[in-house]
Amino acid sequence: MRRLQQLSMVAVLTLMLATGALAGIMETPPAPEAPPAAATVTIETPPSDQQASAVPSESLAEVALNLLQSALSMF
C-alpha cells in the first residue's frame, strides 16, 4: 500500500512539473510607446541653504556586530 502511495505521489509531482514545461511560449503584447516629449513635466525645486550633515551614531561595523550577536543569541 505504501508503494502505491509513493508511486502516485511521484506521478502527481511529475505532472505538476511537466505542465509548466509543456505550456510553451506565452505571447505578450508589445510595450506601450513612450509619451511625447511635450507630455513630460519637469519640476524644479529651489536649492536648500541647509546642508545635510548626518553624523552616524554607530559605525557600520558596530551595527553588523550587534546584528550578528542578536542572531546568534537565538540559537
N, C-alpha and C. Protein backbone atom coordinates (compact mmCIF):
# COMPACT_ATOMS: atom_id res chain seq x y z
N MET A 1 0.82 -1.19 0.00
CA MET A 1 0.00 0.00 0.00
C MET A 1 0.87 1.25 0.00
N ARG A 2 1.96 1.21 0.76
CA ARG A 2 2.86 2.36 0.83
C ARG A 2 3.54 2.58 -0.52
N ARG A 3 3.84 1.52 -1.21
CA ARG A 3 4.48 1.62 -2.52
C ARG A 3 3.55 2.31 -3.52
N LEU A 4 2.25 2.00 -3.45
CA LEU A 4 1.27 2.62 -4.33
C LEU A 4 1.15 4.12 -4.02
N GLN A 5 1.21 4.47 -2.75
CA GLN A 5 1.14 5.87 -2.36
C GLN A 5 2.36 6.64 -2.88
N GLN A 6 3.54 6.05 -2.76
CA GLN A 6 4.74 6.71 -3.27
C GLN A 6 4.68 6.87 -4.78
N LEU A 7 4.20 5.85 -5.47
CA LEU A 7 4.10 5.90 -6.92
C LEU A 7 3.11 6.97 -7.37
N SER A 8 2.00 7.09 -6.67
CA SER A 8 1.02 8.11 -7.03
C SER A 8 1.55 9.51 -6.74
N MET A 9 2.29 9.69 -5.66
CA MET A 9 2.87 11.00 -5.35
C MET A 9 3.91 11.38 -6.40
N VAL A 10 4.69 10.43 -6.87
CA VAL A 10 5.67 10.71 -7.93
C VAL A 10 4.96 11.09 -9.22
N ALA A 11 3.87 10.41 -9.52
CA ALA A 11 3.11 10.73 -10.73
C ALA A 11 2.50 12.13 -10.65
N VAL A 12 1.95 12.49 -9.51
CA VAL A 12 1.35 13.82 -9.34
C VAL A 12 2.43 14.89 -9.43
N LEU A 13 3.55 14.70 -8.79
CA LEU A 13 4.65 15.67 -8.84
C LEU A 13 5.17 15.83 -10.26
N THR A 14 5.30 14.72 -10.98
CA THR A 14 5.77 14.78 -12.36
C THR A 14 4.79 15.54 -13.24
N LEU A 15 3.52 15.30 -13.07
CA LEU A 15 2.52 16.02 -13.86
C LEU A 15 2.49 17.51 -13.53
N MET A 16 2.69 17.85 -12.27
CA MET A 16 2.71 19.26 -11.88
C MET A 16 3.89 19.97 -12.52
N LEU A 17 5.05 19.36 -12.51
CA LEU A 17 6.24 19.99 -13.09
C LEU A 17 6.19 19.99 -14.61
N ALA A 18 5.62 18.96 -15.20
CA ALA A 18 5.57 18.87 -16.66
C ALA A 18 4.58 19.86 -17.25
N THR A 19 3.56 20.22 -16.51
CA THR A 19 2.57 21.16 -17.02
C THR A 19 3.21 22.49 -17.37
N GLY A 20 4.06 22.99 -16.51
CA GLY A 20 4.75 24.25 -16.78
C GLY A 20 5.75 24.13 -17.91
N ALA A 21 6.40 22.99 -18.02
CA ALA A 21 7.41 22.80 -19.06
C ALA A 21 6.76 22.64 -20.43
N LEU A 22 5.60 22.04 -20.47
CA LEU A 22 4.93 21.80 -21.74
C LEU A 22 3.97 22.92 -22.13
N ALA A 23 3.89 23.96 -21.32
CA ALA A 23 2.95 25.04 -21.60
C ALA A 23 3.33 25.82 -22.85
N GLY A 24 4.60 25.91 -23.13
CA GLY A 24 5.04 26.61 -24.33
C GLY A 24 5.32 28.07 -24.07
N ILE A 25 5.52 28.79 -25.15
CA ILE A 25 5.84 30.21 -25.06
C ILE A 25 4.55 31.01 -25.01
N MET A 26 4.45 31.89 -24.07
CA MET A 26 3.26 32.72 -23.94
C MET A 26 3.53 34.06 -24.62
N GLU A 27 2.71 34.41 -25.56
CA GLU A 27 2.86 35.67 -26.27
C GLU A 27 2.30 36.81 -25.43
N THR A 28 3.01 37.91 -25.39
CA THR A 28 2.55 39.09 -24.66
C THR A 28 2.49 40.27 -25.62
N PRO A 29 1.63 41.22 -25.35
CA PRO A 29 1.56 42.39 -26.23
C PRO A 29 2.82 43.24 -26.09
N PRO A 30 3.15 44.02 -27.11
CA PRO A 30 4.34 44.86 -27.01
C PRO A 30 4.15 45.96 -25.97
N ALA A 31 5.26 46.50 -25.52
CA ALA A 31 5.22 47.56 -24.51
C ALA A 31 4.62 48.82 -25.13
N PRO A 32 3.90 49.60 -24.35
CA PRO A 32 3.32 50.83 -24.88
C PRO A 32 4.42 51.83 -25.26
N GLU A 33 4.10 52.67 -26.21
CA GLU A 33 5.08 53.66 -26.66
C GLU A 33 5.28 54.72 -25.58
N ALA A 34 6.46 55.33 -25.58
CA ALA A 34 6.78 56.38 -24.62
C ALA A 34 5.98 57.64 -24.97
N PRO A 35 5.58 58.41 -23.97
CA PRO A 35 4.83 59.63 -24.26
C PRO A 35 5.72 60.64 -24.99
N PRO A 36 5.13 61.52 -25.76
CA PRO A 36 5.93 62.52 -26.45
C PRO A 36 6.63 63.45 -25.45
N ALA A 37 7.67 64.14 -25.92
CA ALA A 37 8.47 64.98 -25.04
C ALA A 37 7.65 66.11 -24.44
N ALA A 38 6.62 66.57 -25.13
CA ALA A 38 5.80 67.67 -24.61
C ALA A 38 4.95 67.22 -23.42
N ALA A 39 4.72 65.95 -23.29
CA ALA A 39 3.88 65.45 -22.21
C ALA A 39 4.65 65.29 -20.90
N THR A 40 5.96 65.28 -20.95
CA THR A 40 6.73 65.12 -19.73
C THR A 40 6.82 66.45 -18.99
N VAL A 41 6.79 66.41 -17.69
CA VAL A 41 6.81 67.61 -16.86
C VAL A 41 8.06 67.59 -15.99
N THR A 42 8.75 68.70 -15.95
CA THR A 42 9.93 68.82 -15.10
C THR A 42 9.59 69.73 -13.94
N ILE A 43 9.82 69.25 -12.74
CA ILE A 43 9.55 70.03 -11.54
C ILE A 43 10.89 70.42 -10.94
N GLU A 44 11.10 71.71 -10.81
CA GLU A 44 12.35 72.19 -10.23
C GLU A 44 12.08 72.68 -8.82
N THR A 45 12.98 72.36 -7.92
CA THR A 45 12.86 72.80 -6.54
C THR A 45 13.97 73.79 -6.24
N PRO A 46 13.69 74.76 -5.40
CA PRO A 46 14.74 75.73 -5.08
C PRO A 46 15.83 75.06 -4.23
N PRO A 47 17.06 75.54 -4.33
CA PRO A 47 18.13 74.93 -3.53
C PRO A 47 17.94 75.23 -2.05
N SER A 48 18.37 74.31 -1.25
CA SER A 48 18.24 74.44 0.19
C SER A 48 19.50 75.07 0.75
N ASP A 49 19.36 75.94 1.74
CA ASP A 49 20.51 76.57 2.37
C ASP A 49 21.16 75.65 3.39
N GLN A 50 20.38 74.72 3.89
CA GLN A 50 20.91 73.81 4.90
C GLN A 50 21.56 72.63 4.22
N GLN A 51 22.72 72.27 4.69
CA GLN A 51 23.40 71.09 4.17
C GLN A 51 23.11 69.93 5.11
N ALA A 52 22.82 68.82 4.51
CA ALA A 52 22.53 67.63 5.31
C ALA A 52 23.83 67.07 5.85
N SER A 53 24.01 67.21 7.12
CA SER A 53 25.22 66.68 7.74
C SER A 53 24.82 65.59 8.72
N ALA A 54 24.65 64.42 8.19
CA ALA A 54 24.24 63.28 9.01
C ALA A 54 25.47 62.64 9.62
N VAL A 55 25.57 62.69 10.91
CA VAL A 55 26.69 62.09 11.62
C VAL A 55 26.20 60.75 12.15
N PRO A 56 26.77 59.67 11.67
CA PRO A 56 26.30 58.37 12.15
C PRO A 56 26.68 58.17 13.61
N SER A 57 25.71 57.70 14.38
CA SER A 57 25.98 57.49 15.80
C SER A 57 26.78 56.21 16.02
N GLU A 58 26.61 55.25 15.15
CA GLU A 58 27.36 53.99 15.25
C GLU A 58 28.00 53.69 13.90
N SER A 59 29.12 53.06 13.94
CA SER A 59 29.76 52.69 12.69
C SER A 59 29.08 51.46 12.11
N LEU A 60 29.34 51.21 10.87
CA LEU A 60 28.75 50.06 10.20
C LEU A 60 29.21 48.75 10.84
N ALA A 61 30.44 48.72 11.27
CA ALA A 61 30.96 47.50 11.90
C ALA A 61 30.22 47.20 13.21
N GLU A 62 29.92 48.25 13.99
CA GLU A 62 29.21 48.03 15.25
C GLU A 62 27.79 47.54 15.00
N VAL A 63 27.13 48.10 14.00
CA VAL A 63 25.77 47.67 13.67
C VAL A 63 25.78 46.21 13.21
N ALA A 64 26.74 45.86 12.35
CA ALA A 64 26.83 44.48 11.87
C ALA A 64 27.13 43.52 13.01
N LEU A 65 28.00 43.94 13.92
CA LEU A 65 28.34 43.08 15.05
C LEU A 65 27.14 42.88 15.96
N ASN A 66 26.39 43.94 16.22
CA ASN A 66 25.19 43.81 17.06
C ASN A 66 24.15 42.90 16.40
N LEU A 67 23.99 43.04 15.09
CA LEU A 67 23.04 42.19 14.37
C LEU A 67 23.47 40.73 14.43
N LEU A 68 24.75 40.48 14.25
CA LEU A 68 25.26 39.11 14.30
C LEU A 68 25.09 38.52 15.69
N GLN A 69 25.37 39.30 16.72
CA GLN A 69 25.22 38.80 18.09
C GLN A 69 23.77 38.50 18.43
N SER A 70 22.86 39.35 17.99
CA SER A 70 21.46 39.09 18.27
C SER A 70 20.95 37.88 17.49
N ALA A 71 21.47 37.67 16.28
CA ALA A 71 21.06 36.49 15.50
C ALA A 71 21.61 35.21 16.14
N LEU A 72 22.84 35.27 16.64
CA LEU A 72 23.43 34.08 17.24
C LEU A 72 22.81 33.77 18.60
N SER A 73 22.30 34.78 19.29
CA SER A 73 21.70 34.53 20.60
C SER A 73 20.39 33.76 20.48
N MET A 74 19.79 33.73 19.29
CA MET A 74 18.55 32.97 19.10
C MET A 74 18.80 31.47 19.10
N PHE A 75 20.00 31.06 18.78
CA PHE A 75 20.31 29.64 18.69
C PHE A 75 20.89 29.18 19.95
